[in-house]
């Protein structure tokens, strides 16, 4: 993967609420990253999920 994970601001479109369970270590890493970029932890999680899904599709197509 050559593309970097860019921290941006506002989400696009309508949002829905979900609930997930993560390790305490992962939560601490997310909070640290959010603090560094002056964003909410929720925003960092959303961006990370969007990035992961976009790149998962590229890898999936390459394997086919």
PDB file of N, CA and C in Angstrom:
ATOM      1  N   UNK A   1       0.838  -1.183   0.000  1.00  0.00           N
ATOM      2  CA  UNK A   1       0.000   0.000   0.000  1.00  0.00           C
ATOM      3  C   UNK A   1       0.879   1.239   0.000  1.00  0.00           C
ATOM      4  N   UNK A   2       0.761   2.019  -1.027  1.00  0.00           N
ATOM      5  CA  UNK A   2       1.592   3.202  -1.122  1.00  0.00           C
ATOM      6  C   UNK A   2       0.879   4.475  -0.687  1.00  0.00           C
ATOM      7  N   UNK A   3      -0.429   4.461  -0.622  1.00  0.00           N
ATOM      8  CA  UNK A   3      -1.164   5.651  -0.239  1.00  0.00           C
ATOM      9  C   UNK A   3      -1.140   5.841   1.268  1.00  0.00           C
ATOM     10  N   UNK A   4      -0.969   7.091   1.691  1.00  0.00           N
ATOM     11  CA  UNK A   4      -0.949   7.412   3.109  1.00  0.00           C
ATOM     12  C   UNK A   4      -2.362   7.588   3.640  1.00  0.00           C
ATOM     13  N   UNK A   5      -2.498   7.420   4.944  1.00  0.00           N
ATOM     14  CA  UNK A   5      -3.769   7.662   5.622  1.00  0.00           C
ATOM     15  C   UNK A   5      -3.798   9.139   5.985  1.00  0.00           C
ATOM     16  N   UNK A   6      -4.642   9.913   5.304  1.00  0.00           N
ATOM     17  CA  UNK A   6      -4.707  11.352   5.532  1.00  0.00           C
ATOM     18  C   UNK A   6      -5.809  11.690   6.515  1.00  0.00           C
ATOM     19  N   UNK A   7      -5.470  12.525   7.481  1.00  0.00           N
ATOM     20  CA  UNK A   7      -6.438  12.986   8.461  1.00  0.00           C
ATOM     21  C   UNK A   7      -7.121  14.223   7.881  1.00  0.00           C
ATOM     22  N   UNK A   8      -8.433  14.103   7.624  1.00  0.00           N
ATOM     23  CA  UNK A   8      -9.205  15.218   7.077  1.00  0.00           C
ATOM     24  C   UNK A   8     -10.302  15.594   8.066  1.00  0.00           C
ATOM     25  N   UNK A   9     -11.169  16.512   7.688  1.00  0.00           N
ATOM     26  CA  UNK A   9     -12.158  17.002   8.642  1.00  0.00           C
ATOM     27  C   UNK A   9     -13.536  16.383   8.502  1.00  0.00           C
ATOM     28  N   UNK A  10     -14.472  17.109   7.995  1.00  0.00           N
ATOM     29  CA  UNK A  10     -15.890  16.765   8.051  1.00  0.00           C
ATOM     30  C   UNK A  10     -16.287  15.535   7.232  1.00  0.00           C
ATOM     31  N   UNK A  11     -17.219  14.719   7.787  1.00  0.00           N
ATOM     32  CA  UNK A  11     -17.734  13.566   7.042  1.00  0.00           C
ATOM     33  C   UNK A  11     -18.684  14.012   5.936  1.00  0.00           C
ATOM     34  N   UNK A  12     -18.863  13.124   4.965  1.00  0.00           N
ATOM     35  CA  UNK A  12     -19.784  13.408   3.863  1.00  0.00           C
ATOM     36  C   UNK A  12     -21.056  12.600   4.061  1.00  0.00           C
ATOM     37  N   UNK A  13     -22.187  13.191   3.761  1.00  0.00           N
ATOM     38  CA  UNK A  13     -23.449  12.470   3.815  1.00  0.00           C
ATOM     39  C   UNK A  13     -24.017  12.299   5.215  1.00  0.00           C
ATOM     40  N   UNK A  14     -25.065  11.473   5.286  1.00  0.00           N
ATOM     41  CA  UNK A  14     -25.777  11.217   6.535  1.00  0.00           C
ATOM     42  C   UNK A  14     -25.024  10.190   7.369  1.00  0.00           C
ATOM     43  N   UNK A  15     -24.992  10.373   8.674  1.00  0.00           N
ATOM     44  CA  UNK A  15     -24.299   9.463   9.581  1.00  0.00           C
ATOM     45  C   UNK A  15     -25.277   8.611  10.381  1.00  0.00           C
ATOM     46  N   UNK A  16     -24.839   7.418  10.760  1.00  0.00           N
ATOM     47  CA  UNK A  16     -25.611   6.544  11.640  1.00  0.00           C
ATOM     48  C   UNK A  16     -24.719   6.148  12.808  1.00  0.00           C
ATOM     49  N   UNK A  17     -25.330   5.819  13.916  1.00  0.00           N
ATOM     50  CA  UNK A  17     -24.581   5.399  15.095  1.00  0.00           C
ATOM     51  C   UNK A  17     -24.407   3.891  15.125  1.00  0.00           C
ATOM     52  N   UNK A  18     -23.214   3.446  15.557  1.00  0.00           N
ATOM     53  CA  UNK A  18     -22.957   2.021  15.753  1.00  0.00           C
ATOM     54  C   UNK A  18     -22.202   1.840  17.059  1.00  0.00           C
ATOM     55  N   UNK A  19     -22.088   0.621  17.500  1.00  0.00           N
ATOM     56  CA  UNK A  19     -21.341   0.316  18.707  1.00  0.00           C
ATOM     57  C   UNK A  19     -20.354  -0.806  18.401  1.00  0.00           C
ATOM     58  N   UNK A  20     -19.087  -0.634  18.803  1.00  0.00           N
ATOM     59  CA  UNK A  20     -18.074  -1.667  18.610  1.00  0.00           C
ATOM     60  C   UNK A  20     -17.276  -1.845  19.898  1.00  0.00           C
ATOM     61  N   UNK A  21     -16.611  -2.965  20.007  1.00  0.00           N
ATOM     62  CA  UNK A  21     -15.721  -3.206  21.139  1.00  0.00           C
ATOM     63  C   UNK A  21     -14.303  -3.300  20.605  1.00  0.00           C
ATOM     64  N   UNK A  22     -13.382  -2.556  21.247  1.00  0.00           N
ATOM     65  CA  UNK A  22     -11.980  -2.575  20.851  1.00  0.00           C
ATOM     66  C   UNK A  22     -11.117  -2.728  22.096  1.00  0.00           C
ATOM     67  N   UNK A  23      -9.859  -3.096  21.896  1.00  0.00           N
ATOM     68  CA  UNK A  23      -8.952  -3.254  23.035  1.00  0.00           C
ATOM     69  C   UNK A  23      -8.629  -1.890  23.649  1.00  0.00           C
ATOM     70  N   UNK A  24      -8.226  -1.914  24.893  1.00  0.00           N
ATOM     71  CA  UNK A  24      -7.847  -0.682  25.573  1.00  0.00           C
ATOM     72  C   UNK A  24      -6.643  -0.046  24.874  1.00  0.00           C
ATOM     73  N   UNK A  25      -5.708  -0.875  24.409  1.00  0.00           N
ATOM     74  CA  UNK A  25      -4.533  -0.367  23.709  1.00  0.00           C
ATOM     75  C   UNK A  25      -4.931   0.383  22.431  1.00  0.00           C
ATOM     76  N   UNK A  26      -5.840  -0.198  21.662  1.00  0.00           N
ATOM     77  CA  UNK A  26      -6.294   0.455  20.440  1.00  0.00           C
ATOM     78  C   UNK A  26      -7.013   1.759  20.759  1.00  0.00           C
ATOM     79  N   UNK A  27      -7.818   1.762  21.809  1.00  0.00           N
ATOM     80  CA  UNK A  27      -8.518   2.973  22.214  1.00  0.00           C
ATOM     81  C   UNK A  27      -7.528   4.072  22.591  1.00  0.00           C
ATOM     82  N   UNK A  28      -6.478   3.716  23.299  1.00  0.00           N
ATOM     83  CA  UNK A  28      -5.461   4.694  23.687  1.00  0.00           C
ATOM     84  C   UNK A  28      -4.749   5.267  22.460  1.00  0.00           C
ATOM     85  N   UNK A  29      -4.462   4.406  21.484  1.00  0.00           N
ATOM     86  CA  UNK A  29      -3.823   4.870  20.247  1.00  0.00           C
ATOM     87  C   UNK A  29      -4.738   5.821  19.482  1.00  0.00           C
ATOM     88  N   UNK A  30      -6.028   5.484  19.422  1.00  0.00           N
ATOM     89  CA  UNK A  30      -6.999   6.334  18.733  1.00  0.00           C
ATOM     90  C   UNK A  30      -7.130   7.692  19.426  1.00  0.00           C
ATOM     91  N   UNK A  31      -7.184   7.671  20.755  1.00  0.00           N
ATOM     92  CA  UNK A  31      -7.303   8.921  21.500  1.00  0.00           C
ATOM     93  C   UNK A  31      -6.075   9.806  21.311  1.00  0.00           C
ATOM     94  N   UNK A  32      -4.902   9.193  21.277  1.00  0.00           N
ATOM     95  CA  UNK A  32      -3.655   9.938  21.074  1.00  0.00           C
ATOM     96  C   UNK A  32      -3.642  10.583  19.688  1.00  0.00           C
ATOM     97  N   UNK A  33      -4.012   9.823  18.672  1.00  0.00           N
ATOM     98  CA  UNK A  33      -4.057  10.338  17.312  1.00  0.00           C
ATOM     99  C   UNK A  33      -5.080  11.468  17.196  1.00  0.00           C
ATOM    100  N   UNK A  34      -6.232  11.281  17.805  1.00  0.00           N
ATOM    101  CA  UNK A  34      -7.279  12.302  17.770  1.00  0.00           C
ATOM    102  C   UNK A  34      -6.794  13.591  18.434  1.00  0.00           C
ATOM    103  N   UNK A  35      -6.129  13.464  19.555  1.00  0.00           N
ATOM    104  CA  UNK A  35      -5.616  14.635  20.265  1.00  0.00           C
ATOM    105  C   UNK A  35      -4.567  15.360  19.427  1.00  0.00           C
ATOM    106  N   UNK A  36      -3.675  14.598  18.785  1.00  0.00           N
ATOM    107  CA  UNK A  36      -2.630  15.196  17.944  1.00  0.00           C
ATOM    108  C   UNK A  36      -3.221  16.052  16.826  1.00  0.00           C
ATOM    109  N   UNK A  37      -4.325  15.599  16.262  1.00  0.00           N
ATOM    110  CA  UNK A  37      -4.930  16.289  15.120  1.00  0.00           C
ATOM    111  C   UNK A  37      -6.137  17.133  15.503  1.00  0.00           C
ATOM    112  N   UNK A  38      -6.368  17.261  16.800  1.00  0.00           N
ATOM    113  CA  UNK A  38      -7.494  18.055  17.317  1.00  0.00           C
ATOM    114  C   UNK A  38      -8.820  17.640  16.691  1.00  0.00           C
ATOM    115  N   UNK A  39      -9.046  16.337  16.723  1.00  0.00           N
ATOM    116  CA  UNK A  39     -10.278  15.760  16.182  1.00  0.00           C
ATOM    117  C   UNK A  39     -10.899  14.873  17.254  1.00  0.00           C
ATOM    118  N   UNK A  40     -12.133  14.495  17.040  1.00  0.00           N
ATOM    119  CA  UNK A  40     -12.761  13.543  17.949  1.00  0.00           C
ATOM    120  C   UNK A  40     -12.259  12.132  17.625  1.00  0.00           C
ATOM    121  N   UNK A  41     -12.310  11.286  18.612  1.00  0.00           N
ATOM    122  CA  UNK A  41     -11.942   9.882  18.393  1.00  0.00           C
ATOM    123  C   UNK A  41     -12.868   9.265  17.352  1.00  0.00           C
ATOM    124  N   UNK A  42     -14.141   9.635  17.388  1.00  0.00           N
ATOM    125  CA  UNK A  42     -15.103   9.140  16.410  1.00  0.00           C
ATOM    126  C   UNK A  42     -14.677   9.484  14.986  1.00  0.00           C
ATOM    127  N   UNK A  43     -14.210  10.719  14.770  1.00  0.00           N
ATOM    128  CA  UNK A  43     -13.779  11.142  13.436  1.00  0.00           C
ATOM    129  C   UNK A  43     -12.583  10.319  12.959  1.00  0.00           C
ATOM    130  N   UNK A  44     -11.648  10.043  13.855  1.00  0.00           N
ATOM    131  CA  UNK A  44     -10.471   9.243  13.490  1.00  0.00           C
ATOM    132  C   UNK A  44     -10.895   7.819  13.126  1.00  0.00           C
ATOM    133  N   UNK A  45     -11.793   7.236  13.904  1.00  0.00           N
ATOM    134  CA  UNK A  45     -12.288   5.882  13.618  1.00  0.00           C
ATOM    135  C   UNK A  45     -12.988   5.851  12.268  1.00  0.00           C
ATOM    136  N   UNK A  46     -13.833   6.848  11.994  1.00  0.00           N
ATOM    137  CA  UNK A  46     -14.549   6.912  10.716  1.00  0.00           C
ATOM    138  C   UNK A  46     -13.573   6.988   9.545  1.00  0.00           C
ATOM    139  N   UNK A  47     -12.567   7.846   9.672  1.00  0.00           N
ATOM    140  CA  UNK A  47     -11.579   7.974   8.602  1.00  0.00           C
ATOM    141  C   UNK A  47     -10.788   6.680   8.401  1.00  0.00           C
ATOM    142  N   UNK A  48     -10.426   6.036   9.503  1.00  0.00           N
ATOM    143  CA  UNK A  48      -9.675   4.780   9.412  1.00  0.00           C
ATOM    144  C   UNK A  48     -10.506   3.692   8.736  1.00  0.00           C
ATOM    145  N   UNK A  49     -11.792   3.627   9.054  1.00  0.00           N
ATOM    146  CA  UNK A  49     -12.669   2.648   8.426  1.00  0.00           C
ATOM    147  C   UNK A  49     -12.838   2.925   6.937  1.00  0.00           C
ATOM    148  N   UNK A  50     -13.031   4.189   6.581  1.00  0.00           N
ATOM    149  CA  UNK A  50     -13.163   4.545   5.164  1.00  0.00           C
ATOM    150  C   UNK A  50     -11.899   4.166   4.401  1.00  0.00           C
ATOM    151  N   UNK A  51     -10.747   4.478   4.965  1.00  0.00           N
ATOM    152  CA  UNK A  51      -9.461   4.158   4.337  1.00  0.00           C
ATOM    153  C   UNK A  51      -9.313   2.647   4.163  1.00  0.00           C
ATOM    154  N   UNK A  52      -9.617   1.902   5.210  1.00  0.00           N
ATOM    155  CA  UNK A  52      -9.479   0.441   5.169  1.00  0.00           C
ATOM    156  C   UNK A  52     -10.392  -0.165   4.101  1.00  0.00           C
ATOM    157  N   UNK A  53     -11.626   0.272   4.052  1.00  0.00           N
ATOM    158  CA  UNK A  53     -12.570  -0.275   3.080  1.00  0.00           C
ATOM    159  C   UNK A  53     -12.178   0.068   1.645  1.00  0.00           C
ATOM    160  N   UNK A  54     -11.713   1.276   1.421  1.00  0.00           N
ATOM    161  CA  UNK A  54     -11.280   1.661   0.078  1.00  0.00           C
ATOM    162  C   UNK A  54     -10.106   0.811  -0.388  1.00  0.00           C
ATOM    163  N   UNK A  55      -9.179   0.542   0.493  1.00  0.00           N
ATOM    164  CA  UNK A  55      -7.995  -0.221   0.114  1.00  0.00           C
ATOM    165  C   UNK A  55      -8.255  -1.724   0.108  1.00  0.00           C
ATOM    166  N   UNK A  56      -9.219  -2.183   0.872  1.00  0.00           N
ATOM    167  CA  UNK A  56      -9.608  -3.583   0.856  1.00  0.00           C
ATOM    168  C   UNK A  56     -10.174  -3.935  -0.517  1.00  0.00           C
ATOM    169  N   UNK A  57     -10.981  -3.070  -1.088  1.00  0.00           N
ATOM    170  CA  UNK A  57     -11.556  -3.298  -2.413  1.00  0.00           C
ATOM    171  C   UNK A  57     -10.466  -3.395  -3.467  1.00  0.00           C
ATOM    172  N   UNK A  58      -9.442  -2.548  -3.390  1.00  0.00           N
ATOM    173  CA  UNK A  58      -8.352  -2.584  -4.367  1.00  0.00           C
ATOM    174  C   UNK A  58      -7.607  -3.917  -4.287  1.00  0.00           C
ATOM    175  N   UNK A  59      -7.313  -4.384  -3.082  1.00  0.00           N
ATOM    176  CA  UNK A  59      -6.603  -5.646  -2.910  1.00  0.00           C
ATOM    177  C   UNK A  59      -7.470  -6.823  -3.372  1.00  0.00           C
ATOM    178  N   UNK A  60      -8.762  -6.753  -3.107  1.00  0.00           N
ATOM    179  CA  UNK A  60      -9.685  -7.807  -3.500  1.00  0.00           C
ATOM    180  C   UNK A  60      -9.701  -7.967  -5.024  1.00  0.00           C
ATOM    181  N   UNK A  61      -9.740  -6.839  -5.735  1.00  0.00           N
ATOM    182  CA  UNK A  61      -9.753  -6.859  -7.189  1.00  0.00           C
ATOM    183  C   UNK A  61      -8.432  -7.386  -7.729  1.00  0.00           C
ATOM    184  N   UNK A  62      -7.336  -7.072  -7.083  1.00  0.00           N
ATOM    185  CA  UNK A  62      -6.016  -7.519  -7.539  1.00  0.00           C
ATOM    186  C   UNK A  62      -5.861  -9.039  -7.408  1.00  0.00           C
ATOM    187  N   UNK A  63      -6.519  -9.634  -6.399  1.00  0.00           N
ATOM    188  CA  UNK A  63      -6.436 -11.077  -6.168  1.00  0.00           C
ATOM    189  C   UNK A  63      -7.306 -11.861  -7.150  1.00  0.00           C
ATOM    190  N   UNK A  64      -8.310 -11.236  -7.710  1.00  0.00           N
ATOM    191  CA  UNK A  64      -9.261 -11.935  -8.595  1.00  0.00           C
ATOM    192  C   UNK A  64      -8.669 -12.315  -9.925  1.00  0.00           C
TER     193      UNK A  64
END
